[in-house]
Amino acid sequence: EGRRRFLDRMTMSFTPDHAEAVLTYEKAMRERNRL
């Protein structure tokens, strides 16, 4: 988890929209996990 977070911060520095993609994915995954 920590390594993914480290990579995602570097990725976000290059591609700011990456943050929105991660938030969208996590929100949808929480809904799928509830189902």
PDB file of all heavy atoms in Angstrom:
ATOM      1  N   GLU A   1       0.826  -1.208   0.000  1.00  0.00           N
ATOM      2  CA  GLU A   1       0.000   0.000   0.000  1.00  0.00           C
ATOM      3  C   GLU A   1       0.864   1.264   0.000  1.00  0.00           C
ATOM      4  O   GLU A   1       0.586   2.217  -0.733  1.00  0.00           O
ATOM      5  CB  GLU A   1      -0.939   0.016   1.204  1.00  0.00           C
ATOM      6  CG  GLU A   1      -1.839   1.244   1.243  1.00  0.00           C
ATOM      7  CD  GLU A   1      -2.739   1.272   2.462  1.00  0.00           C
ATOM      8  OE1 GLU A   1      -2.684   0.328   3.279  1.00  0.00           O
ATOM      9  OE2 GLU A   1      -3.508   2.247   2.603  1.00  0.00           O
ATOM     10  N   GLY A   2       1.900   1.281   0.822  1.00  0.00           N
ATOM     11  CA  GLY A   2       2.774   2.442   0.884  1.00  0.00           C
ATOM     12  C   GLY A   2       3.498   2.676  -0.433  1.00  0.00           C
ATOM     13  O   GLY A   2       3.691   3.823  -0.858  1.00  0.00           O
ATOM     14  N   ARG A   3       3.913   1.604  -1.105  1.00  0.00           N
ATOM     15  CA  ARG A   3       4.595   1.747  -2.391  1.00  0.00           C
ATOM     16  C   ARG A   3       3.639   2.249  -3.472  1.00  0.00           C
ATOM     17  O   ARG A   3       4.037   3.050  -4.329  1.00  0.00           O
ATOM     18  CB  ARG A   3       5.238   0.414  -2.796  1.00  0.00           C
ATOM     19  CG  ARG A   3       6.435   0.040  -1.915  1.00  0.00           C
ATOM     20  CD  ARG A   3       7.149  -1.194  -2.436  1.00  0.00           C
ATOM     21  NE  ARG A   3       6.371  -2.419  -2.241  1.00  0.00           N
ATOM     22  CZ  ARG A   3       6.365  -3.123  -1.139  1.00  0.00           C
ATOM     23  NH1 ARG A   3       7.066  -2.732  -0.087  1.00  0.00           N
ATOM     24  NH2 ARG A   3       5.650  -4.243  -1.051  1.00  0.00           N
ATOM     25  N   ARG A   4       2.400   1.783  -3.447  1.00  0.00           N
ATOM     26  CA  ARG A   4       1.414   2.310  -4.402  1.00  0.00           C
ATOM     27  C   ARG A   4       1.201   3.806  -4.176  1.00  0.00           C
ATOM     28  O   ARG A   4       1.104   4.589  -5.124  1.00  0.00           O
ATOM     29  CB  ARG A   4       0.072   1.577  -4.263  1.00  0.00           C
ATOM     30  CG  ARG A   4      -0.004   0.238  -4.954  1.00  0.00           C
ATOM     31  CD  ARG A   4      -1.429  -0.261  -5.049  1.00  0.00           C
ATOM     32  NE  ARG A   4      -2.070  -0.403  -3.751  1.00  0.00           N
ATOM     33  CZ  ARG A   4      -1.999  -1.491  -3.001  1.00  0.00           C
ATOM     34  NH1 ARG A   4      -1.290  -2.538  -3.418  1.00  0.00           N
ATOM     35  NH2 ARG A   4      -2.618  -1.558  -1.840  1.00  0.00           N
ATOM     36  N   ARG A   5       1.106   4.195  -2.925  1.00  0.00           N
ATOM     37  CA  ARG A   5       0.895   5.608  -2.602  1.00  0.00           C
ATOM     38  C   ARG A   5       2.089   6.442  -3.071  1.00  0.00           C
ATOM     39  O   ARG A   5       1.914   7.537  -3.608  1.00  0.00           O
ATOM     40  CB  ARG A   5       0.674   5.756  -1.103  1.00  0.00           C
ATOM     41  CG  ARG A   5       0.023   7.051  -0.682  1.00  0.00           C
ATOM     42  CD  ARG A   5      -0.644   6.935   0.666  1.00  0.00           C
ATOM     43  NE  ARG A   5       0.225   6.409   1.684  1.00  0.00           N
ATOM     44  CZ  ARG A   5      -0.025   5.322   2.422  1.00  0.00           C
ATOM     45  NH1 ARG A   5      -1.137   4.628   2.234  1.00  0.00           N
ATOM     46  NH2 ARG A   5       0.818   4.921   3.353  1.00  0.00           N
ATOM     47  N   PHE A   6       3.296   5.917  -2.867  1.00  0.00           N
ATOM     48  CA  PHE A   6       4.523   6.590  -3.307  1.00  0.00           C
ATOM     49  C   PHE A   6       4.503   6.767  -4.831  1.00  0.00           C
ATOM     50  O   PHE A   6       4.788   7.855  -5.357  1.00  0.00           O
ATOM     51  CB  PHE A   6       5.720   5.753  -2.867  1.00  0.00           C
ATOM     52  CG  PHE A   6       7.067   6.306  -3.250  1.00  0.00           C
ATOM     53  CD1 PHE A   6       7.587   7.414  -2.603  1.00  0.00           C
ATOM     54  CD2 PHE A   6       7.814   5.697  -4.241  1.00  0.00           C
ATOM     55  CE1 PHE A   6       8.842   7.922  -2.947  1.00  0.00           C
ATOM     56  CE2 PHE A   6       9.070   6.193  -4.590  1.00  0.00           C
ATOM     57  CZ  PHE A   6       9.578   7.312  -3.939  1.00  0.00           C
ATOM     58  N   LEU A   7       4.152   5.703  -5.544  1.00  0.00           N
ATOM     59  CA  LEU A   7       4.089   5.763  -7.006  1.00  0.00           C
ATOM     60  C   LEU A   7       2.997   6.719  -7.468  1.00  0.00           C
ATOM     61  O   LEU A   7       3.197   7.498  -8.413  1.00  0.00           O
ATOM     62  CB  LEU A   7       3.842   4.366  -7.573  1.00  0.00           C
ATOM     63  CG  LEU A   7       3.606   4.281  -9.088  1.00  0.00           C
ATOM     64  CD1 LEU A   7       4.796   4.826  -9.854  1.00  0.00           C
ATOM     65  CD2 LEU A   7       3.309   2.842  -9.498  1.00  0.00           C
ATOM     66  N   ASP A   8       1.840   6.678  -6.806  1.00  0.00           N
ATOM     67  CA  ASP A   8       0.738   7.537  -7.236  1.00  0.00           C
ATOM     68  C   ASP A   8       1.052   9.011  -7.022  1.00  0.00           C
ATOM     69  O   ASP A   8       0.614   9.863  -7.803  1.00  0.00           O
ATOM     70  CB  ASP A   8      -0.555   7.149  -6.518  1.00  0.00           C
ATOM     71  CG  ASP A   8      -1.216   5.916  -7.128  1.00  0.00           C
ATOM     72  OD1 ASP A   8      -0.941   5.638  -8.304  1.00  0.00           O
ATOM     73  OD2 ASP A   8      -1.989   5.246  -6.431  1.00  0.00           O
ATOM     74  N   ARG A   9       1.813   9.346  -5.982  1.00  0.00           N
ATOM     75  CA  ARG A   9       2.183  10.743  -5.792  1.00  0.00           C
ATOM     76  C   ARG A   9       3.122  11.201  -6.905  1.00  0.00           C
ATOM     77  O   ARG A   9       2.994  12.311  -7.427  1.00  0.00           O
ATOM     78  CB  ARG A   9       2.851  10.957  -4.433  1.00  0.00           C
ATOM     79  CG  ARG A   9       1.858  11.056  -3.284  1.00  0.00           C
ATOM     80  CD  ARG A   9       2.229  12.186  -2.337  1.00  0.00           C
ATOM     81  NE  ARG A   9       2.280  13.465  -2.993  1.00  0.00           N
ATOM     82  CZ  ARG A   9       1.234  14.268  -3.177  1.00  0.00           C
ATOM     83  NH1 ARG A   9       0.031  13.906  -2.776  1.00  0.00           N
ATOM     84  NH2 ARG A   9       1.384  15.443  -3.767  1.00  0.00           N
ATOM     85  N   MET A  10       4.075  10.357  -7.284  1.00  0.00           N
ATOM     86  CA  MET A  10       4.943  10.710  -8.397  1.00  0.00           C
ATOM     87  C   MET A  10       4.150  10.798  -9.695  1.00  0.00           C
ATOM     88  O   MET A  10       4.365  11.699 -10.513  1.00  0.00           O
ATOM     89  CB  MET A  10       6.088   9.694  -8.518  1.00  0.00           C
ATOM     90  CG  MET A  10       7.085   9.756  -7.373  1.00  0.00           C
ATOM     91  SD  MET A  10       8.622   8.820  -7.678  1.00  0.00           S
ATOM     92  CE  MET A  10       7.980   7.147  -7.649  1.00  0.00           C
ATOM     93  N   THR A  11       3.226   9.863  -9.885  1.00  0.00           N
ATOM     94  CA  THR A  11       2.388   9.876 -11.085  1.00  0.00           C
ATOM     95  C   THR A  11       1.555  11.144 -11.148  1.00  0.00           C
ATOM     96  O   THR A  11       1.415  11.774 -12.200  1.00  0.00           O
ATOM     97  CB  THR A  11       1.479   8.634 -11.107  1.00  0.00           C
ATOM     98  OG1 THR A  11       2.282   7.454 -11.060  1.00  0.00           O
ATOM     99  CG2 THR A  11       0.627   8.604 -12.363  1.00  0.00           C
ATOM    100  N   MET A  12       0.996  11.549 -10.016  1.00  0.00           N
ATOM    101  CA  MET A  12       0.180  12.759  -9.954  1.00  0.00           C
ATOM    102  C   MET A  12       0.996  14.001 -10.289  1.00  0.00           C
ATOM    103  O   MET A  12       0.470  14.958 -10.862  1.00  0.00           O
ATOM    104  CB  MET A  12      -0.436  12.890  -8.553  1.00  0.00           C
ATOM    105  CG  MET A  12      -1.574  13.887  -8.453  1.00  0.00           C
ATOM    106  SD  MET A  12      -2.045  14.189  -6.720  1.00  0.00           S
ATOM    107  CE  MET A  12      -2.152  12.520  -6.102  1.00  0.00           C
ATOM    108  N   SER A  13       2.285  13.977  -9.944  1.00  0.00           N
ATOM    109  CA  SER A  13       3.125  15.132 -10.244  1.00  0.00           C
ATOM    110  C   SER A  13       3.262  15.325 -11.758  1.00  0.00           C
ATOM    111  O   SER A  13       3.365  16.452 -12.240  1.00  0.00           O
ATOM    112  CB  SER A  13       4.505  14.983  -9.594  1.00  0.00           C
ATOM    113  OG  SER A  13       5.318  14.034 -10.265  1.00  0.00           O
ATOM    114  N   PHE A  14       3.237  14.225 -12.513  1.00  0.00           N
ATOM    115  CA  PHE A  14       3.305  14.302 -13.965  1.00  0.00           C
ATOM    116  C   PHE A  14       1.928  14.525 -14.586  1.00  0.00           C
ATOM    117  O   PHE A  14       1.778  15.255 -15.567  1.00  0.00           O
ATOM    118  CB  PHE A  14       3.894  13.009 -14.543  1.00  0.00           C
ATOM    119  CG  PHE A  14       5.315  12.745 -14.174  1.00  0.00           C
ATOM    120  CD1 PHE A  14       5.659  11.622 -13.441  1.00  0.00           C
ATOM    121  CD2 PHE A  14       6.321  13.614 -14.555  1.00  0.00           C
ATOM    122  CE1 PHE A  14       6.978  11.364 -13.103  1.00  0.00           C
ATOM    123  CE2 PHE A  14       7.646  13.369 -14.220  1.00  0.00           C
ATOM    124  CZ  PHE A  14       7.973  12.242 -13.487  1.00  0.00           C
ATOM    125  N   THR A  15       0.930  13.860 -14.013  1.00  0.00           N
ATOM    126  CA  THR A  15      -0.426  13.870 -14.572  1.00  0.00           C
ATOM    127  C   THR A  15      -1.410  14.225 -13.462  1.00  0.00           C
ATOM    128  O   THR A  15      -1.901  13.341 -12.753  1.00  0.00           O
ATOM    129  CB  THR A  15      -0.783  12.483 -15.162  1.00  0.00           C
ATOM    130  OG1 THR A  15       0.268  12.048 -16.035  1.00  0.00           O
ATOM    131  CG2 THR A  15      -2.094  12.526 -15.928  1.00  0.00           C
ATOM    132  N   PRO A  16      -1.696  15.516 -13.258  1.00  0.00           N
ATOM    133  CA  PRO A  16      -2.589  15.912 -12.160  1.00  0.00           C
ATOM    134  C   PRO A  16      -3.943  15.207 -12.182  1.00  0.00           C
ATOM    135  O   PRO A  16      -4.511  14.934 -11.120  1.00  0.00           O
ATOM    136  CB  PRO A  16      -2.747  17.423 -12.375  1.00  0.00           C
ATOM    137  CG  PRO A  16      -1.468  17.834 -13.039  1.00  0.00           C
ATOM    138  CD  PRO A  16      -1.110  16.692 -13.954  1.00  0.00           C
ATOM    139  N   ASP A  17      -4.458  14.866 -13.374  1.00  0.00           N
ATOM    140  CA  ASP A  17      -5.754  14.193 -13.453  1.00  0.00           C
ATOM    141  C   ASP A  17      -5.724  12.785 -12.870  1.00  0.00           C
ATOM    142  O   ASP A  17      -6.783  12.161 -12.692  1.00  0.00           O
ATOM    143  CB  ASP A  17      -6.225  14.117 -14.911  1.00  0.00           C
ATOM    144  CG  ASP A  17      -6.639  15.483 -15.454  1.00  0.00           C
ATOM    145  OD1 ASP A  17      -6.825  16.407 -14.629  1.00  0.00           O
ATOM    146  OD2 ASP A  17      -6.760  15.630 -16.686  1.00  0.00           O
ATOM    147  N   HIS A  18      -4.530  12.278 -12.581  1.00  0.00           N
ATOM    148  CA  HIS A  18      -4.419  10.950 -11.982  1.00  0.00           C
ATOM    149  C   HIS A  18      -5.154  10.890 -10.646  1.00  0.00           C
ATOM    150  O   HIS A  18      -5.744   9.862 -10.301  1.00  0.00           O
ATOM    151  CB  HIS A  18      -2.946  10.595 -11.779  1.00  0.00           C
ATOM    152  CG  HIS A  18      -2.710   9.213 -11.256  1.00  0.00           C
ATOM    153  ND1 HIS A  18      -2.969   8.075 -11.993  1.00  0.00           N
ATOM    154  CD2 HIS A  18      -2.230   8.777 -10.046  1.00  0.00           C
ATOM    155  CE1 HIS A  18      -2.667   7.000 -11.276  1.00  0.00           C
ATOM    156  NE2 HIS A  18      -2.225   7.399 -10.092  1.00  0.00           N
ATOM    157  N   ALA A  19      -5.134  11.991  -9.904  1.00  0.00           N
ATOM    158  CA  ALA A  19      -5.822  12.035  -8.608  1.00  0.00           C
ATOM    159  C   ALA A  19      -7.314  11.787  -8.782  1.00  0.00           C
ATOM    160  O   ALA A  19      -7.933  11.044  -8.004  1.00  0.00           O
ATOM    161  CB  ALA A  19      -5.591  13.381  -7.929  1.00  0.00           C
ATOM    162  N   GLU A  20      -7.914  12.385  -9.806  1.00  0.00           N
ATOM    163  CA  GLU A  20      -9.338  12.206 -10.045  1.00  0.00           C
ATOM    164  C   GLU A  20      -9.643  10.766 -10.449  1.00  0.00           C
ATOM    165  O   GLU A  20     -10.668  10.193 -10.046  1.00  0.00           O
ATOM    166  CB  GLU A  20      -9.811  13.174 -11.120  1.00  0.00           C
ATOM    167  CG  GLU A  20      -9.695  14.643 -10.701  1.00  0.00           C
ATOM    168  CD  GLU A  20     -10.139  15.600 -11.796  1.00  0.00           C
ATOM    169  OE1 GLU A  20     -10.732  15.138 -12.794  1.00  0.00           O
ATOM    170  OE2 GLU A  20      -9.878  16.808 -11.654  1.00  0.00           O
ATOM    171  N   ALA A  21      -8.761  10.149 -11.254  1.00  0.00           N
ATOM    172  CA  ALA A  21      -8.963   8.760 -11.659  1.00  0.00           C
ATOM    173  C   ALA A  21      -8.920   7.826 -10.449  1.00  0.00           C
ATOM    174  O   ALA A  21      -9.739   6.901 -10.335  1.00  0.00           O
ATOM    175  CB  ALA A  21      -7.897   8.356 -12.681  1.00  0.00           C
ATOM    176  N   VAL A  22      -7.969   8.072  -9.533  1.00  0.00           N
ATOM    177  CA  VAL A  22      -7.861   7.245  -8.333  1.00  0.00           C
ATOM    178  C   VAL A  22      -9.103   7.401  -7.453  1.00  0.00           C
ATOM    179  O   VAL A  22      -9.652   6.406  -6.950  1.00  0.00           O
ATOM    180  CB  VAL A  22      -6.585   7.609  -7.537  1.00  0.00           C
ATOM    181  CG1 VAL A  22      -6.579   6.915  -6.175  1.00  0.00           C
ATOM    182  CG2 VAL A  22      -5.338   7.223  -8.340  1.00  0.00           C
ATOM    183  N   LEU A  23      -9.571   8.633  -7.280  1.00  0.00           N
ATOM    184  CA  LEU A  23     -10.772   8.864  -6.470  1.00  0.00           C
ATOM    185  C   LEU A  23     -11.986   8.195  -7.087  1.00  0.00           C
ATOM    186  O   LEU A  23     -12.812   7.590  -6.386  1.00  0.00           O
ATOM    187  CB  LEU A  23     -11.012  10.364  -6.306  1.00  0.00           C
ATOM    188  CG  LEU A  23     -10.025  11.121  -5.412  1.00  0.00           C
ATOM    189  CD1 LEU A  23     -10.291  12.620  -5.476  1.00  0.00           C
ATOM    190  CD2 LEU A  23     -10.124  10.634  -3.969  1.00  0.00           C
ATOM    191  N   THR A  24     -12.124   8.297  -8.416  1.00  0.00           N
ATOM    192  CA  THR A  24     -13.250   7.666  -9.109  1.00  0.00           C
ATOM    193  C   THR A  24     -13.217   6.156  -8.930  1.00  0.00           C
ATOM    194  O   THR A  24     -14.245   5.523  -8.649  1.00  0.00           O
ATOM    195  CB  THR A  24     -13.221   8.016 -10.609  1.00  0.00           C
ATOM    196  OG1 THR A  24     -13.362   9.430 -10.770  1.00  0.00           O
ATOM    197  CG2 THR A  24     -14.334   7.306 -11.366  1.00  0.00           C
ATOM    198  N   TYR A  25     -12.037   5.579  -9.087  1.00  0.00           N
ATOM    199  CA  TYR A  25     -11.890   4.136  -8.951  1.00  0.00           C
ATOM    200  C   TYR A  25     -12.218   3.681  -7.533  1.00  0.00           C
ATOM    201  O   TYR A  25     -12.969   2.713  -7.337  1.00  0.00           O
ATOM    202  CB  TYR A  25     -10.463   3.721  -9.317  1.00  0.00           C
ATOM    203  CG  TYR A  25     -10.218   2.234  -9.180  1.00  0.00           C
ATOM    204  CD1 TYR A  25     -10.589   1.361 -10.195  1.00  0.00           C
ATOM    205  CD2 TYR A  25      -9.628   1.708  -8.034  1.00  0.00           C
ATOM    206  CE1 TYR A  25     -10.378  -0.011 -10.068  1.00  0.00           C
ATOM    207  CE2 TYR A  25      -9.408   0.352  -7.891  1.00  0.00           C
ATOM    208  CZ  TYR A  25      -9.781  -0.513  -8.919  1.00  0.00           C
ATOM    209  OH  TYR A  25      -9.581  -1.864  -8.776  1.00  0.00           O
ATOM    210  N   GLU A  26     -11.671   4.377  -6.544  1.00  0.00           N
ATOM    211  CA  GLU A  26     -11.893   3.962  -5.153  1.00  0.00           C
ATOM    212  C   GLU A  26     -13.351   4.083  -4.755  1.00  0.00           C
ATOM    213  O   GLU A  26     -13.876   3.228  -4.022  1.00  0.00           O
ATOM    214  CB  GLU A  26     -11.002   4.791  -4.226  1.00  0.00           C
ATOM    215  CG  GLU A  26      -9.518   4.461  -4.373  1.00  0.00           C
ATOM    216  CD  GLU A  26      -8.633   5.304  -3.484  1.00  0.00           C
ATOM    217  OE1 GLU A  26      -9.134   6.328  -2.951  1.00  0.00           O
ATOM    218  OE2 GLU A  26      -7.454   4.950  -3.321  1.00  0.00           O
ATOM    219  N   LYS A  27     -14.022   5.138  -5.221  1.00  0.00           N
ATOM    220  CA  LYS A  27     -15.439   5.294  -4.909  1.00  0.00           C
ATOM    221  C   LYS A  27     -16.257   4.172  -5.525  1.00  0.00           C
ATOM    222  O   LYS A  27     -17.131   3.585  -4.867  1.00  0.00           O
ATOM    223  CB  LYS A  27     -15.932   6.652  -5.421  1.00  0.00           C
ATOM    224  CG  LYS A  27     -17.398   6.920  -5.124  1.00  0.00           C
ATOM    225  CD  LYS A  27     -17.818   8.293  -5.640  1.00  0.00           C
ATOM    226  CE  LYS A  27     -19.306   8.542  -5.368  1.00  0.00           C
ATOM    227  NZ  LYS A  27     -19.739   9.874  -5.892  1.00  0.00           N
ATOM    228  N   ALA A  28     -15.982   3.839  -6.789  1.00  0.00           N
ATOM    229  CA  ALA A  28     -16.716   2.758  -7.451  1.00  0.00           C
ATOM    230  C   ALA A  28     -16.400   1.414  -6.807  1.00  0.00           C
ATOM    231  O   ALA A  28     -17.289   0.563  -6.656  1.00  0.00           O
ATOM    232  CB  ALA A  28     -16.372   2.736  -8.932  1.00  0.00           C
ATOM    233  N   MET A  29     -15.144   1.213  -6.410  1.00  0.00           N
ATOM    234  CA  MET A  29     -14.777  -0.055  -5.784  1.00  0.00           C
ATOM    235  C   MET A  29     -15.476  -0.229  -4.436  1.00  0.00           C
ATOM    236  O   MET A  29     -15.896  -1.344  -4.082  1.00  0.00           O
ATOM    237  CB  MET A  29     -13.263  -0.147  -5.610  1.00  0.00           C
ATOM    238  CG  MET A  29     -12.808  -1.503  -5.057  1.00  0.00           C
ATOM    239  SD  MET A  29     -11.012  -1.673  -4.972  1.00  0.00           S
ATOM    240  CE  MET A  29     -10.615  -0.410  -3.750  1.00  0.00           C
ATOM    241  N   ARG A  30     -15.599   0.849  -3.675  1.00  0.00           N
ATOM    242  CA  ARG A  30     -16.322   0.744  -2.399  1.00  0.00           C
ATOM    243  C   ARG A  30     -17.765   0.316  -2.639  1.00  0.00           C
ATOM    244  O   ARG A  30     -18.320  -0.492  -1.877  1.00  0.00           O
ATOM    245  CB  ARG A  30     -16.276   2.080  -1.651  1.00  0.00           C
ATOM    246  CG  ARG A  30     -14.931   2.389  -1.019  1.00  0.00           C
ATOM    247  CD  ARG A  30     -15.045   3.523  -0.011  1.00  0.00           C
ATOM    248  NE  ARG A  30     -15.439   4.780  -0.645  1.00  0.00           N
ATOM    249  CZ  ARG A  30     -14.586   5.662  -1.138  1.00  0.00           C
ATOM    250  NH1 ARG A  30     -13.283   5.430  -1.081  1.00  0.00           N
ATOM    251  NH2 ARG A  30     -15.027   6.788  -1.672  1.00  0.00           N
ATOM    252  N   GLU A  31     -18.387   0.844  -3.694  1.00  0.00           N
ATOM    253  CA  GLU A  31     -19.765   0.452  -4.011  1.00  0.00           C
ATOM    254  C   GLU A  31     -19.818  -1.015  -4.438  1.00  0.00           C
ATOM    255  O   GLU A  31     -20.725  -1.750  -4.036  1.00  0.00           O
ATOM    256  CB  GLU A  31     -20.312   1.347  -5.127  1.00  0.00           C
ATOM    257  CG  GLU A  31     -21.720   1.013  -5.581  1.00  0.00           C
ATOM    258  CD  GLU A  31     -22.778   1.143  -4.490  1.00  0.00           C
ATOM    259  OE1 GLU A  31     -22.514   1.843  -3.482  1.00  0.00           O
ATOM    260  OE2 GLU A  31     -23.866   0.533  -4.639  1.00  0.00           O
ATOM    261  N   ARG A  32     -18.854  -1.449  -5.243  1.00  0.00           N
ATOM    262  CA  ARG A  32     -18.829  -2.857  -5.658  1.00  0.00           C
ATOM    263  C   ARG A  32     -18.611  -3.767  -4.453  1.00  0.00           C
ATOM    264  O   ARG A  32     -19.245  -4.831  -4.333  1.00  0.00           O
ATOM    265  CB  ARG A  32     -17.716  -3.087  -6.684  1.00  0.00           C
ATOM    266  CG  ARG A  32     -17.680  -4.525  -7.239  1.00  0.00           C
ATOM    267  CD  ARG A  32     -16.625  -4.662  -8.319  1.00  0.00           C
ATOM    268  NE  ARG A  32     -16.700  -5.953  -8.982  1.00  0.00           N
ATOM    269  CZ  ARG A  32     -15.989  -7.017  -8.642  1.00  0.00           C
ATOM    270  NH1 ARG A  32     -15.157  -6.943  -7.601  1.00  0.00           N
ATOM    271  NH2 ARG A  32     -16.100  -8.147  -9.311  1.00  0.00           N
ATOM    272  N   ASN A  33     -17.719  -3.369  -3.537  1.00  0.00           N
ATOM    273  CA  ASN A  33     -17.482  -4.180  -2.341  1.00  0.00           C
ATOM    274  C   ASN A  33     -18.739  -4.285  -1.482  1.00  0.00           C
ATOM    275  O   ASN A  33     -18.997  -5.323  -0.861  1.00  0.00           O
ATOM    276  CB  ASN A  33     -16.332  -3.593  -1.523  1.00  0.00           C
ATOM    277  CG  ASN A  33     -14.976  -3.828  -2.172  1.00  0.00           C
ATOM    278  OD1 ASN A  33     -14.851  -4.635  -3.089  1.00  0.00           O
ATOM    279  ND2 ASN A  33     -13.964  -3.122  -1.688  1.00  0.00           N
ATOM    280  N   ARG A  34     -19.533  -3.212  -1.457  1.00  0.00           N
ATOM    281  CA  ARG A  34     -20.796  -3.266  -0.705  1.00  0.00           C
ATOM    282  C   ARG A  34     -21.738  -4.272  -1.342  1.00  0.00           C
ATOM    283  O   ARG A  34     -22.406  -5.062  -0.635  1.00  0.00           O
ATOM    284  CB  ARG A  34     -21.442  -1.884  -0.672  1.00  0.00           C
ATOM    285  CG  ARG A  34     -22.684  -1.807   0.215  1.00  0.00           C
ATOM    286  CD  ARG A  34     -23.379  -0.466   0.093  1.00  0.00           C
ATOM    287  NE  ARG A  34     -23.913  -0.257  -1.235  1.00  0.00           N
ATOM    288  CZ  ARG A  34     -25.060  -0.805  -1.660  1.00  0.00           C
ATOM    289  NH1 ARG A  34     -25.776  -1.599  -0.862  1.00  0.00           N
ATOM    290  NH2 ARG A  34     -25.483  -0.577  -2.876  1.00  0.00           N
ATOM    291  N   LEU A  35     -21.798  -4.275  -2.670  1.00  0.00           N
ATOM    292  CA  LEU A  35     -22.642  -5.253  -3.361  1.00  0.00           C
ATOM    293  C   LEU A  35     -22.164  -6.677  -3.087  1.00  0.00           C
ATOM    294  O   LEU A  35     -22.980  -7.592  -2.898  1.00  0.00           O
ATOM    295  CB  LEU A  35     -22.622  -4.986  -4.869  1.00  0.00           C
ATOM    296  CG  LEU A  35     -23.212  -3.653  -5.353  1.00  0.00           C
ATOM    297  CD1 LEU A  35     -22.993  -3.501  -6.859  1.00  0.00           C
ATOM    298  CD2 LEU A  35     -24.707  -3.569  -5.031  1.00  0.00           C
TER     299      LEU A  35
END
